Amino acid sequence: MEEKEKTLKNKDRKKQRKYRLFILLLLLFATGIMLATSTYAWFTSNKNVSVETLSVNIAAQNGIQISVDGTNWKAIVQKTDLANAINTYAAAKNQLPSVLEPVSTGAVASGGVLPMYYGTIESNTDGNYILTSSLETDANGSTGKYIAYDLFFKVNADTRIAITSASGVKSSDENDTGIKNASRIAFVKLGYVADGTALSTIQGLNSGTDVYVWEPNYDSHTSTGIANARDVYGLPVADGDSTLVPYSGVIAAISAGDNVLLGNATQEKDSTKFKTVTPTYKTKTGNDANFEIFSLTAGITKVRIYMWVEGQDVDCENNASSGNIDYDLYITTVEDGA
């Protein structure tokens, strides 16, 4: 009898050990899944998704005059000038937040603005990550998820202008998280008029649609950004790579019901919601050369400028979801023969 009880107890112990081993294997498997899916664009964790402390400096040189309202002209415009433009430019929508969150655009101007979409990550019934998005609205003040403001340029003759090597997006942290690599700057030319035109007409320029997108630091990628490109988008990326990494900007609102998997968030998979964006200009980290952007017609030209973190960039991933960056913009003329 005792022998039989011992046999039964031994069987129970074996069953318990097998059960515990099974649970441990399940936990290990679940942990492996979490590790494999923890890095995506748009910051899957949806926490600590800010880029703090930014500086905006715009300096024009060699005969270019700039203004935040189309009537008071200067050589240098700073963030405080942009913030106070509303005092003399009632329609100003200078959006200057101190914290940025990822947004995306297809870089097609509409009504004088670039439509920007804020993306969030959800999971569908199968447990897969999907992208949803909603349209943002430019608004004057210190709120918002990206920077947007108007500048007015005055030149006496048709003038080619360039961005100087002092311009760019840089990390101001000792520990660079790599979020600067997902940053963008865009210029939207909204029209021009002759010098001396009524101020209301100058400030009301909003019909232009020419968009110029600049991707700084295009060749820099962190190890987690490289893994994100590989695992989510199937893109082979390396730090220091001279090949521009392609991406598709968001061009429409996306609901959970659309069931857009992150890996399918491309124009190739859905051209109604995404558009492939090819930056007009690209510069490497530590760029040491000026580059021409566009020409100004004699008179006054209104330009809307956007600065943002592109959520569809492979470098916009959880590990980069904090940090401090500076945006600096210096503009000069292109010398004849250059």
C-alpha atoms as a PDB file:
ATOM      1  CA  MET A   1       0.000   0.000   0.000  1.00  0.00           C
ATOM      2  CA  GLU A   2       2.784   2.369   0.979  1.00  0.00           C
ATOM      3  CA  GLU A   3       4.638   1.503  -2.200  1.00  0.00           C
ATOM      4  CA  LYS A   4       1.556   2.356  -4.251  1.00  0.00           C
ATOM      5  CA  GLU A   5       1.161   5.719  -2.498  1.00  0.00           C
ATOM      6  CA  LYS A   6       4.818   6.525  -3.158  1.00  0.00           C
ATOM      7  CA  THR A   7       4.355   5.696  -6.834  1.00  0.00           C
ATOM      8  CA  LEU A   8       1.297   7.988  -7.040  1.00  0.00           C
ATOM      9  CA  LYS A   9       3.153  10.812  -5.275  1.00  0.00           C
ATOM     10  CA  ASN A  10       6.096  10.472  -7.649  1.00  0.00           C
ATOM     11  CA  LYS A  11       3.714  10.679 -10.618  1.00  0.00           C
ATOM     12  CA  ASP A  12       2.098  13.813  -9.138  1.00  0.00           C
ATOM     13  CA  ARG A  13       5.508  15.423  -8.651  1.00  0.00           C
ATOM     14  CA  LYS A  14       6.458  14.651 -12.255  1.00  0.00           C
ATOM     15  CA  LYS A  15       3.172  16.140 -13.480  1.00  0.00           C
ATOM     16  CA  GLN A  16       3.751  19.280 -11.387  1.00  0.00           C
ATOM     17  CA  ARG A  17       7.308  19.627 -12.688  1.00  0.00           C
ATOM     18  CA  LYS A  18       6.094  19.213 -16.278  1.00  0.00           C
ATOM     19  CA  TYR A  19       3.334  21.756 -15.635  1.00  0.00           C
ATOM     20  CA  ARG A  20       5.787  24.270 -14.146  1.00  0.00           C
ATOM     21  CA  LEU A  21       8.153  23.694 -17.061  1.00  0.00           C
ATOM     22  CA  PHE A  22       5.267  24.237 -19.472  1.00  0.00           C
ATOM     23  CA  ILE A  23       4.346  27.523 -17.745  1.00  0.00           C
ATOM     24  CA  LEU A  24       7.982  28.650 -17.812  1.00  0.00           C
ATOM     25  CA  LEU A  25       8.193  27.845 -21.520  1.00  0.00           C
ATOM     26  CA  LEU A  26       5.013  29.835 -22.143  1.00  0.00           C
ATOM     27  CA  LEU A  27       6.424  32.791 -20.203  1.00  0.00           C
ATOM     28  CA  LEU A  28       9.701  32.540 -22.074  1.00  0.00           C
ATOM     29  CA  PHE A  29       7.822  32.440 -25.375  1.00  0.00           C
ATOM     30  CA  ALA A  30       5.703  35.449 -24.389  1.00  0.00           C
ATOM     31  CA  THR A  31       8.836  37.360 -23.357  1.00  0.00           C
ATOM     32  CA  GLY A  32      10.419  36.534 -26.713  1.00  0.00           C
ATOM     33  CA  ILE A  33       7.350  37.879 -28.513  1.00  0.00           C
ATOM     34  CA  MET A  34       7.464  41.109 -26.490  1.00  0.00           C
ATOM     35  CA  LEU A  35      11.144  41.586 -27.220  1.00  0.00           C
ATOM     36  CA  ALA A  36      10.597  40.935 -30.907  1.00  0.00           C
ATOM     37  CA  THR A  37       7.763  43.464 -31.188  1.00  0.00           C
ATOM     38  CA  SER A  38       8.881  46.174 -28.810  1.00  0.00           C
ATOM     39  CA  THR A  39      10.384  48.497 -31.414  1.00  0.00           C
ATOM     40  CA  TYR A  40       8.247  50.251 -33.992  1.00  0.00           C
ATOM     41  CA  ALA A  41       7.914  53.661 -35.575  1.00  0.00           C
ATOM     42  CA  TRP A  42       5.578  56.094 -33.817  1.00  0.00           C
ATOM     43  CA  PHE A  43       6.772  54.945 -30.367  1.00  0.00           C
ATOM     44  CA  THR A  44       4.646  51.855 -29.725  1.00  0.00           C
ATOM     45  CA  SER A  45       4.763  52.393 -25.981  1.00  0.00           C
ATOM     46  CA  ASN A  46       3.019  55.783 -26.382  1.00  0.00           C
ATOM     47  CA  LYS A  47       4.822  57.176 -23.341  1.00  0.00           C
ATOM     48  CA  ASN A  48       7.592  59.703 -22.954  1.00  0.00           C
ATOM     49  CA  VAL A  49       7.155  60.622 -26.601  1.00  0.00           C
ATOM     50  CA  SER A  50       8.579  64.093 -26.427  1.00  0.00           C
ATOM     51  CA  VAL A  51      11.508  65.986 -27.821  1.00  0.00           C
ATOM     52  CA  GLU A  52      12.179  68.744 -25.324  1.00  0.00           C
ATOM     53  CA  THR A  53      14.041  72.030 -25.402  1.00  0.00           C
ATOM     54  CA  LEU A  54      14.435  73.367 -28.897  1.00  0.00           C
ATOM     55  CA  SER A  55      15.843  76.581 -30.241  1.00  0.00           C
ATOM     56  CA  VAL A  56      14.695  78.261 -33.417  1.00  0.00           C
ATOM     57  CA  ASN A  57      17.057  80.809 -34.954  1.00  0.00           C
ATOM     58  CA  ILE A  58      16.668  82.219 -38.454  1.00  0.00           C
ATOM     59  CA  ALA A  59      19.356  84.515 -39.816  1.00  0.00           C
ATOM     60  CA  ALA A  60      19.347  86.019 -43.301  1.00  0.00           C
ATOM     61  CA  GLN A  61      22.526  87.383 -44.864  1.00  0.00           C
ATOM     62  CA  ASN A  62      23.823  89.245 -47.911  1.00  0.00           C
ATOM     63  CA  GLY A  63      20.948  91.557 -48.749  1.00  0.00           C
ATOM     64  CA  ILE A  64      17.991  89.387 -47.740  1.00  0.00           C
ATOM     65  CA  GLN A  65      15.547  90.986 -45.308  1.00  0.00           C
ATOM     66  CA  ILE A  66      13.176  88.848 -43.260  1.00  0.00           C
ATOM     67  CA  SER A  67      10.063  89.596 -41.258  1.00  0.00           C
ATOM     68  CA  VAL A  68       7.499  87.782 -39.115  1.00  0.00           C
ATOM     69  CA  ASP A  69       4.657  90.109 -40.193  1.00  0.00           C
ATOM     70  CA  GLY A  70       5.539  91.420 -43.672  1.00  0.00           C
ATOM     71  CA  THR A  71       6.197  94.985 -42.531  1.00  0.00           C
ATOM     72  CA  ASN A  72       8.913  95.043 -39.850  1.00  0.00           C
ATOM     73  CA  TRP A  73      12.155  93.875 -41.448  1.00  0.00           C
ATOM     74  CA  LYS A  74      15.212  92.398 -39.744  1.00  0.00           C
ATOM     75  CA  ALA A  75      18.386  90.418 -40.418  1.00  0.00           C
ATOM     76  CA  ILE A  76      17.797  87.902 -37.621  1.00  0.00           C
ATOM     77  CA  VAL A  77      14.523  86.383 -36.373  1.00  0.00           C
ATOM     78  CA  GLN A  78      14.373  84.445 -33.145  1.00  0.00           C
ATOM     79  CA  LYS A  79      11.737  82.363 -31.407  1.00  0.00           C
ATOM     80  CA  THR A  80      10.480  85.353 -29.385  1.00  0.00           C
ATOM     81  CA  ASP A  81       9.858  87.299 -32.611  1.00  0.00           C
ATOM     82  CA  LEU A  82       7.775  84.440 -33.988  1.00  0.00           C
ATOM     83  CA  ALA A  83       5.816  84.172 -30.742  1.00  0.00           C
ATOM     84  CA  ASN A  84       5.017  87.907 -30.755  1.00  0.00           C
ATOM     85  CA  ALA A  85       4.096  88.123 -34.449  1.00  0.00           C
ATOM     86  CA  ILE A  86       0.402  87.889 -33.536  1.00  0.00           C
ATOM     87  CA  ASN A  87       0.597  91.493 -32.263  1.00  0.00           C
ATOM     88  CA  THR A  88       1.074  92.866 -35.792  1.00  0.00           C
ATOM     89  CA  TYR A  89      -0.111  89.904 -37.868  1.00  0.00           C
ATOM     90  CA  ALA A  90      -3.586  88.958 -36.661  1.00  0.00           C
ATOM     91  CA  ALA A  91      -3.832  85.860 -38.883  1.00  0.00           C
ATOM     92  CA  ALA A  92      -0.512  84.432 -37.696  1.00  0.00           C
ATOM     93  CA  LYS A  93      -0.483  80.738 -36.904  1.00  0.00           C
ATOM     94  CA  ASN A  94       2.982  80.414 -35.462  1.00  0.00           C
ATOM     95  CA  GLN A  95       2.888  77.104 -33.621  1.00  0.00           C
ATOM     96  CA  LEU A  96       5.886  76.899 -31.285  1.00  0.00           C
ATOM     97  CA  PRO A  97       5.573  74.023 -28.789  1.00  0.00           C
ATOM     98  CA  SER A  98       8.367  73.211 -26.389  1.00  0.00           C
ATOM     99  CA  VAL A  99       7.565  69.499 -26.726  1.00  0.00           C
ATOM    100  CA  LEU A 100       7.256  67.637 -30.025  1.00  0.00           C
ATOM    101  CA  GLU A 101       5.479  64.397 -30.826  1.00  0.00           C
ATOM    102  CA  PRO A 102       5.721  62.359 -34.038  1.00  0.00           C
ATOM    103  CA  VAL A 103       3.495  63.383 -36.939  1.00  0.00           C
ATOM    104  CA  SER A 104       3.558  62.571 -40.635  1.00  0.00           C
ATOM    105  CA  THR A 105       2.790  64.318 -43.910  1.00  0.00           C
ATOM    106  CA  GLY A 106       2.791  63.453 -47.567  1.00  0.00           C
ATOM    107  CA  ALA A 107       4.315  66.918 -48.195  1.00  0.00           C
ATOM    108  CA  VAL A 108       1.500  68.141 -50.447  1.00  0.00           C
ATOM    109  CA  ALA A 109       0.345  71.668 -49.536  1.00  0.00           C
ATOM    110  CA  SER A 110      -3.366  72.422 -49.257  1.00  0.00           C
ATOM    111  CA  GLY A 111      -4.851  75.806 -48.400  1.00  0.00           C
ATOM    112  CA  GLY A 112      -1.452  77.237 -47.531  1.00  0.00           C
ATOM    113  CA  VAL A 113      -0.522  74.520 -45.027  1.00  0.00           C
ATOM    114  CA  LEU A 114       1.018  71.062 -44.946  1.00  0.00           C
ATOM    115  CA  PRO A 115      -1.557  68.554 -43.666  1.00  0.00           C
ATOM    116  CA  MET A 116       0.025  66.835 -40.664  1.00  0.00           C
ATOM    117  CA  TYR A 117      -1.316  63.589 -39.201  1.00  0.00           C
ATOM    118  CA  TYR A 118      -0.784  62.382 -35.648  1.00  0.00           C
ATOM    119  CA  GLY A 119      -0.353  58.624 -35.486  1.00  0.00           C
ATOM    120  CA  THR A 120      -1.097  56.220 -32.667  1.00  0.00           C
ATOM    121  CA  ILE A 121      -0.436  52.510 -32.352  1.00  0.00           C
ATOM    122  CA  GLU A 122      -3.192  50.047 -31.474  1.00  0.00           C
ATOM    123  CA  SER A 123      -3.525  46.277 -31.630  1.00  0.00           C
ATOM    124  CA  ASN A 124      -6.152  44.476 -33.676  1.00  0.00           C
ATOM    125  CA  THR A 125      -8.098  41.346 -32.717  1.00  0.00           C
ATOM    126  CA  ASP A 126      -5.188  39.199 -33.888  1.00  0.00           C
ATOM    127  CA  GLY A 127      -2.808  41.046 -31.554  1.00  0.00           C
ATOM    128  CA  ASN A 128      -0.942  42.742 -34.406  1.00  0.00           C
ATOM    129  CA  TYR A 129       0.105  46.386 -34.225  1.00  0.00           C
ATOM    130  CA  ILE A 130      -1.887  48.700 -36.480  1.00  0.00           C
ATOM    131  CA  LEU A 131      -1.566  52.414 -37.254  1.00  0.00           C
ATOM    132  CA  THR A 132      -4.351  54.939 -36.767  1.00  0.00           C
ATOM    133  CA  SER A 133      -4.060  58.654 -37.523  1.00  0.00           C
ATOM    134  CA  SER A 134      -5.944  61.926 -37.190  1.00  0.00           C
ATOM    135  CA  LEU A 135      -5.473  65.292 -38.898  1.00  0.00           C
ATOM    136  CA  GLU A 136      -3.816  68.051 -36.870  1.00  0.00           C
ATOM    137  CA  THR A 137      -4.603  71.765 -37.234  1.00  0.00           C
ATOM    138  CA  ASP A 138      -1.997  74.540 -37.198  1.00  0.00           C
ATOM    139  CA  ALA A 139      -2.702  77.007 -34.384  1.00  0.00           C
ATOM    140  CA  ASN A 140      -0.902  80.040 -32.995  1.00  0.00           C
ATOM    141  CA  GLY A 141       0.703  79.544 -29.602  1.00  0.00           C
ATOM    142  CA  SER A 142       2.854  77.155 -27.616  1.00  0.00           C
ATOM    143  CA  THR A 143       0.753  74.003 -28.023  1.00  0.00           C
ATOM    144  CA  GLY A 144       0.816  71.435 -30.818  1.00  0.00           C
ATOM    145  CA  LYS A 145       2.955  68.482 -31.818  1.00  0.00           C
ATOM    146  CA  TYR A 146       5.199  70.189 -34.403  1.00  0.00           C
ATOM    147  CA  ILE A 147       6.607  73.625 -35.248  1.00  0.00           C
ATOM    148  CA  ALA A 148       5.026  75.763 -37.975  1.00  0.00           C
ATOM    149  CA  TYR A 149       5.411  79.471 -38.714  1.00  0.00           C
ATOM    150  CA  ASP A 150       5.351  82.087 -41.478  1.00  0.00           C
ATOM    151  CA  LEU A 151       8.320  84.134 -42.653  1.00  0.00           C
ATOM    152  CA  PHE A 152       8.382  86.969 -45.177  1.00  0.00           C
ATOM    153  CA  PHE A 153      11.460  87.563 -47.352  1.00  0.00           C
ATOM    154  CA  LYS A 154      12.230  90.819 -49.180  1.00  0.00           C
ATOM    155  CA  VAL A 155      14.808  91.129 -51.982  1.00  0.00           C
ATOM    156  CA  ASN A 156      15.432  93.894 -54.524  1.00  0.00           C
ATOM    157  CA  ALA A 157      16.108  91.501 -57.434  1.00  0.00           C
ATOM    158  CA  ASP A 158      15.482  87.869 -58.254  1.00  0.00           C
ATOM    159  CA  THR A 159      17.736  86.043 -55.792  1.00  0.00           C
ATOM    160  CA  ARG A 160      18.866  82.468 -55.328  1.00  0.00           C
ATOM    161  CA  ILE A 161      19.071  81.499 -51.680  1.00  0.00           C
ATOM    162  CA  ALA A 162      20.832  78.731 -49.792  1.00  0.00           C
ATOM    163  CA  ILE A 163      20.883  77.087 -46.386  1.00  0.00           C
ATOM    164  CA  THR A 164      24.250  77.523 -44.677  1.00  0.00           C
ATOM    165  CA  SER A 165      26.303  74.780 -43.065  1.00  0.00           C
ATOM    166  CA  ALA A 166      25.477  76.196 -39.623  1.00  0.00           C
ATOM    167  CA  SER A 167      21.900  75.039 -40.112  1.00  0.00           C
ATOM    168  CA  GLY A 168      20.489  71.673 -39.123  1.00  0.00           C
ATOM    169  CA  VAL A 169      18.960  69.540 -36.413  1.00  0.00           C
ATOM    170  CA  LYS A 170      21.340  68.614 -33.639  1.00  0.00           C
ATOM    171  CA  SER A 171      21.121  66.746 -30.361  1.00  0.00           C
ATOM    172  CA  SER A 172      21.784  68.891 -27.305  1.00  0.00           C
ATOM    173  CA  ASP A 173      22.092  65.857 -25.017  1.00  0.00           C
ATOM    174  CA  GLU A 174      25.272  64.163 -23.869  1.00  0.00           C
ATOM    175  CA  ASN A 175      23.533  60.880 -24.693  1.00  0.00           C
ATOM    176  CA  ASP A 176      22.180  61.203 -28.239  1.00  0.00           C
ATOM    177  CA  THR A 177      19.064  59.011 -28.533  1.00  0.00           C
ATOM    178  CA  GLY A 178      18.944  59.381 -32.320  1.00  0.00           C
ATOM    179  CA  ILE A 179      15.671  61.293 -32.532  1.00  0.00           C
ATOM    180  CA  LYS A 180      17.412  64.020 -34.548  1.00  0.00           C
ATOM    181  CA  ASN A 181      17.702  61.433 -37.350  1.00  0.00           C
ATOM    182  CA  ALA A 182      13.914  61.365 -37.742  1.00  0.00           C
ATOM    183  CA  SER A 183      13.551  65.166 -37.947  1.00  0.00           C
ATOM    184  CA  ARG A 184      12.449  67.125 -41.006  1.00  0.00           C
ATOM    185  CA  ILE A 185      12.236  70.743 -42.140  1.00  0.00           C
ATOM    186  CA  ALA A 186       9.958  71.860 -44.982  1.00  0.00           C
ATOM    187  CA  PHE A 187       9.388  75.143 -46.819  1.00  0.00           C
ATOM    188  CA  VAL A 188       6.072  76.002 -48.499  1.00  0.00           C
ATOM    189  CA  LYS A 189       6.238  78.998 -50.856  1.00  0.00           C
ATOM    190  CA  LEU A 190       2.887  80.758 -50.512  1.00  0.00           C
ATOM    191  CA  GLY A 191       3.316  83.462 -53.146  1.00  0.00           C
ATOM    192  CA  TYR A 192       4.954  86.836 -53.740  1.00  0.00           C
ATOM    193  CA  VAL A 193       3.986  90.456 -54.460  1.00  0.00           C
ATOM    194  CA  ALA A 194       5.815  93.649 -55.347  1.00  0.00           C
ATOM    195  CA  ASP A 195       7.351  95.696 -52.568  1.00  0.00           C
ATOM    196  CA  GLY A 196       4.886  98.415 -51.548  1.00  0.00           C
ATOM    197  CA  THR A 197       1.813  96.182 -51.878  1.00  0.00           C
ATOM    198  CA  ALA A 198      -0.853  96.623 -49.199  1.00  0.00           C
ATOM    199  CA  LEU A 199       0.033  94.820 -45.973  1.00  0.00           C
ATOM    200  CA  SER A 200      -3.263  92.918 -45.937  1.00  0.00           C
ATOM    201  CA  THR A 201      -2.377  91.437 -49.341  1.00  0.00           C
ATOM    202  CA  ILE A 202       1.153  90.548 -48.227  1.00  0.00           C
ATOM    203  CA  GLN A 203      -0.071  88.805 -45.087  1.00  0.00           C
ATOM    204  CA  GLY A 204      -2.898  87.105 -46.983  1.00  0.00           C
ATOM    205  CA  LEU A 205      -0.630  85.240 -49.429  1.00  0.00           C
ATOM    206  CA  ASN A 206      -1.700  81.589 -49.160  1.00  0.00           C
ATOM    207  CA  SER A 207      -2.126  80.246 -52.688  1.00  0.00           C
ATOM    208  CA  GLY A 208       1.292  78.726 -53.315  1.00  0.00           C
ATOM    209  CA  THR A 209       1.799  74.966 -53.386  1.00  0.00           C
ATOM    210  CA  ASP A 210       5.553  74.575 -53.957  1.00  0.00           C
ATOM    211  CA  VAL A 211       6.924  72.366 -51.163  1.00  0.00           C
ATOM    212  CA  TYR A 212      10.603  71.726 -50.433  1.00  0.00           C
ATOM    213  CA  VAL A 213      11.462  69.037 -47.866  1.00  0.00           C
ATOM    214  CA  TRP A 214      14.863  68.823 -46.216  1.00  0.00           C
ATOM    215  CA  GLU A 215      16.035  65.664 -44.445  1.00  0.00           C
ATOM    216  CA  PRO A 216      19.098  66.402 -42.302  1.00  0.00           C
ATOM    217  CA  ASN A 217      21.198  63.603 -40.763  1.00  0.00           C
ATOM    218  CA  TYR A 218      19.888  61.181 -43.375  1.00  0.00           C
ATOM    219  CA  ASP A 219      22.948  58.949 -43.120  1.00  0.00           C
ATOM    220  CA  SER A 220      22.861  58.415 -39.319  1.00  0.00           C
ATOM    221  CA  HIS A 221      21.008  55.523 -37.678  1.00  0.00           C
ATOM    222  CA  THR A 222      21.225  54.023 -34.195  1.00  0.00           C
ATOM    223  CA  SER A 223      21.398  50.258 -33.713  1.00  0.00           C
ATOM    224  CA  THR A 224      17.727  50.222 -32.652  1.00  0.00           C
ATOM    225  CA  GLY A 225      16.777  52.320 -35.670  1.00  0.00           C
ATOM    226  CA  ILE A 226      18.574  49.823 -37.892  1.00  0.00           C
ATOM    227  CA  ALA A 227      16.728  46.949 -36.200  1.00  0.00           C
ATOM    228  CA  ASN A 228      13.421  48.800 -36.637  1.00  0.00           C
ATOM    229  CA  ALA A 229      14.041  49.251 -40.362  1.00  0.00           C
ATOM    230  CA  ARG A 230      14.847  45.561 -40.728  1.00  0.00           C
ATOM    231  CA  ASP A 231      12.133  44.029 -38.528  1.00  0.00           C
ATOM    232  CA  VAL A 232       9.177  46.254 -39.377  1.00  0.00           C
ATOM    233  CA  TYR A 233       9.808  47.456 -42.914  1.00  0.00           C
ATOM    234  CA  GLY A 234      12.220  44.855 -44.266  1.00  0.00           C
ATOM    235  CA  LEU A 235      14.738  47.562 -45.172  1.00  0.00           C
ATOM    236  CA  PRO A 236      18.505  46.959 -45.007  1.00  0.00           C
ATOM    237  CA  VAL A 237      19.931  50.047 -43.277  1.00  0.00           C
ATOM    238  CA  ALA A 238      23.404  50.790 -41.911  1.00  0.00           C
ATOM    239  CA  ASP A 239      24.832  53.716 -39.988  1.00  0.00           C
ATOM    240  CA  GLY A 240      26.753  56.010 -42.325  1.00  0.00           C
ATOM    241  CA  ASP A 241      24.869  54.624 -45.333  1.00  0.00           C
ATOM    242  CA  SER A 242      24.836  57.081 -48.240  1.00  0.00           C
ATOM    243  CA  THR A 243      21.541  55.657 -49.498  1.00  0.00           C
ATOM    244  CA  LEU A 244      18.442  57.595 -48.493  1.00  0.00           C
ATOM    245  CA  VAL A 245      15.951  55.384 -46.616  1.00  0.00           C
ATOM    246  CA  PRO A 246      12.529  55.580 -48.330  1.00  0.00           C
ATOM    247  CA  TYR A 247       9.329  56.288 -46.405  1.00  0.00           C
ATOM    248  CA  SER A 248       5.665  57.003 -47.076  1.00  0.00           C
ATOM    249  CA  GLY A 249       4.007  59.981 -45.410  1.00  0.00           C
ATOM    250  CA  VAL A 250       0.432  59.808 -44.142  1.00  0.00           C
ATOM    251  CA  ILE A 251      -2.104  61.654 -46.335  1.00  0.00           C
ATOM    252  CA  ALA A 252      -5.459  60.655 -44.781  1.00  0.00           C
ATOM    253  CA  ALA A 253      -7.083  59.841 -41.478  1.00  0.00           C
ATOM    254  CA  ILE A 254      -6.814  56.159 -40.567  1.00  0.00           C
ATOM    255  CA  SER A 255      -9.275  54.384 -38.286  1.00  0.00           C
ATOM    256  CA  ALA A 256      -8.823  51.136 -36.381  1.00  0.00           C
ATOM    257  CA  GLY A 257     -11.377  49.612 -38.737  1.00  0.00           C
ATOM    258  CA  ASP A 258      -8.999  50.166 -41.656  1.00  0.00           C
ATOM    259  CA  ASN A 259      -6.694  47.596 -40.003  1.00  0.00           C
ATOM    260  CA  VAL A 260      -3.479  49.088 -41.419  1.00  0.00           C
ATOM    261  CA  LEU A 261      -0.590  46.945 -40.204  1.00  0.00           C
ATOM    262  CA  LEU A 262       2.576  48.925 -39.470  1.00  0.00           C
ATOM    263  CA  GLY A 263       4.559  46.980 -42.027  1.00  0.00           C
ATOM    264  CA  ASN A 264       1.937  47.841 -44.667  1.00  0.00           C
ATOM    265  CA  ALA A 265       1.987  51.615 -44.059  1.00  0.00           C
ATOM    266  CA  THR A 266       3.339  52.464 -47.509  1.00  0.00           C
ATOM    267  CA  GLN A 267       2.052  53.927 -50.757  1.00  0.00           C
ATOM    268  CA  GLU A 268       2.743  50.589 -52.436  1.00  0.00           C
ATOM    269  CA  LYS A 269       0.282  48.875 -50.084  1.00  0.00           C
ATOM    270  CA  ASP A 270      -2.302  51.693 -49.855  1.00  0.00           C
ATOM    271  CA  SER A 271      -2.026  54.811 -52.026  1.00  0.00           C
ATOM    272  CA  THR A 272      -5.225  56.292 -50.553  1.00  0.00           C
ATOM    273  CA  LYS A 273      -3.586  56.787 -47.147  1.00  0.00           C
ATOM    274  CA  PHE A 274       0.136  57.030 -47.856  1.00  0.00           C
ATOM    275  CA  LYS A 275       2.398  58.847 -50.297  1.00  0.00           C
ATOM    276  CA  THR A 276       6.059  58.173 -50.916  1.00  0.00           C
ATOM    277  CA  VAL A 277       8.060  61.249 -49.936  1.00  0.00           C
ATOM    278  CA  THR A 278      11.334  62.010 -51.664  1.00  0.00           C
ATOM    279  CA  PRO A 279      13.066  64.873 -49.846  1.00  0.00           C
ATOM    280  CA  THR A 280      14.100  67.755 -52.067  1.00  0.00           C
ATOM    281  CA  TYR A 281      17.355  68.053 -50.140  1.00  0.00           C
ATOM    282  CA  LYS A 282      19.305  65.696 -47.918  1.00  0.00           C
ATOM    283  CA  THR A 283      22.412  66.346 -45.834  1.00  0.00           C
ATOM    284  CA  LYS A 284      24.689  64.127 -43.821  1.00  0.00           C
ATOM    285  CA  THR A 285      25.318  64.540 -40.117  1.00  0.00           C
ATOM    286  CA  GLY A 286      27.920  67.247 -39.625  1.00  0.00           C
ATOM    287  CA  ASN A 287      27.202  68.803 -43.022  1.00  0.00           C
ATOM    288  CA  ASP A 288      29.884  71.440 -43.738  1.00  0.00           C
ATOM    289  CA  ALA A 289      28.601  72.927 -46.985  1.00  0.00           C
ATOM    290  CA  ASN A 290      25.889  75.380 -48.006  1.00  0.00           C
ATOM    291  CA  PHE A 291      23.180  74.116 -50.348  1.00  0.00           C
ATOM    292  CA  GLU A 292      20.806  76.033 -52.578  1.00  0.00           C
ATOM    293  CA  ILE A 293      17.085  75.677 -51.857  1.00  0.00           C
ATOM    294  CA  PHE A 294      15.055  77.929 -54.181  1.00  0.00           C
ATOM    295  CA  SER A 295      14.834  81.410 -55.711  1.00  0.00           C
ATOM    296  CA  LEU A 296      13.059  84.493 -54.435  1.00  0.00           C
ATOM    297  CA  THR A 297      11.358  86.799 -56.921  1.00  0.00           C
ATOM    298  CA  ALA A 298      12.024  90.536 -56.594  1.00  0.00           C
ATOM    299  CA  GLY A 299       9.608  91.856 -53.997  1.00  0.00           C
ATOM    300  CA  ILE A 300       8.142  90.100 -50.968  1.00  0.00           C
ATOM    301  CA  THR A 301       7.708  86.320 -50.711  1.00  0.00           C
ATOM    302  CA  LYS A 302       5.771  84.536 -47.981  1.00  0.00           C
ATOM    303  CA  VAL A 303       7.091  81.142 -46.889  1.00  0.00           C
ATOM    304  CA  ARG A 304       5.586  78.771 -44.331  1.00  0.00           C
ATOM    305  CA  ILE A 305       8.158  76.638 -42.533  1.00  0.00           C
ATOM    306  CA  TYR A 306       7.563  73.321 -40.763  1.00  0.00           C
ATOM    307  CA  MET A 307       9.854  71.469 -38.359  1.00  0.00           C
ATOM    308  CA  TRP A 308       8.771  68.067 -37.095  1.00  0.00           C
ATOM    309  CA  VAL A 309       9.625  64.497 -36.118  1.00  0.00           C
ATOM    310  CA  GLU A 310       8.500  62.190 -38.934  1.00  0.00           C
ATOM    311  CA  GLY A 311       6.637  59.228 -37.446  1.00  0.00           C
ATOM    312  CA  GLN A 312       7.094  57.149 -40.592  1.00  0.00           C
ATOM    313  CA  ASP A 313      10.872  57.464 -40.414  1.00  0.00           C
ATOM    314  CA  VAL A 314      12.546  54.206 -39.358  1.00  0.00           C
ATOM    315  CA  ASP A 315      14.537  56.142 -36.744  1.00  0.00           C
ATOM    316  CA  CYS A 316      11.342  57.190 -34.952  1.00  0.00           C
ATOM    317  CA  GLU A 317      11.175  54.273 -32.514  1.00  0.00           C
ATOM    318  CA  ASN A 318      10.791  53.655 -28.781  1.00  0.00           C
ATOM    319  CA  ASN A 319      14.451  53.941 -27.864  1.00  0.00           C
ATOM    320  CA  ALA A 320      14.580  57.418 -29.405  1.00  0.00           C
ATOM    321  CA  SER A 321      11.443  58.617 -27.621  1.00  0.00           C
ATOM    322  CA  SER A 322      13.133  61.239 -25.487  1.00  0.00           C
ATOM    323  CA  GLY A 323      15.856  63.786 -25.844  1.00  0.00           C
ATOM    324  CA  ASN A 324      16.631  67.395 -26.574  1.00  0.00           C
ATOM    325  CA  ILE A 325      17.259  68.733 -30.053  1.00  0.00           C
ATOM    326  CA  ASP A 326      17.928  72.137 -31.585  1.00  0.00           C
ATOM    327  CA  TYR A 327      16.622  73.368 -34.913  1.00  0.00           C
ATOM    328  CA  ASP A 328      18.789  76.068 -36.491  1.00  0.00           C
ATOM    329  CA  LEU A 329      18.146  77.754 -39.811  1.00  0.00           C
ATOM    330  CA  TYR A 330      20.532  80.216 -41.474  1.00  0.00           C
ATOM    331  CA  ILE A 331      19.847  81.514 -44.976  1.00  0.00           C
ATOM    332  CA  THR A 332      22.161  83.309 -47.368  1.00  0.00           C
ATOM    333  CA  THR A 333      22.297  84.298 -51.025  1.00  0.00           C
ATOM    334  CA  VAL A 334      23.945  82.207 -53.716  1.00  0.00           C
ATOM    335  CA  GLU A 335      26.804  84.131 -55.297  1.00  0.00           C
ATOM    336  CA  ASP A 336      26.770  84.500 -59.087  1.00  0.00           C
ATOM    337  CA  GLY A 337      28.564  81.603 -60.725  1.00  0.00           C
ATOM    338  CA  ALA A 338      28.077  79.319 -57.738  1.00  0.00           C
END
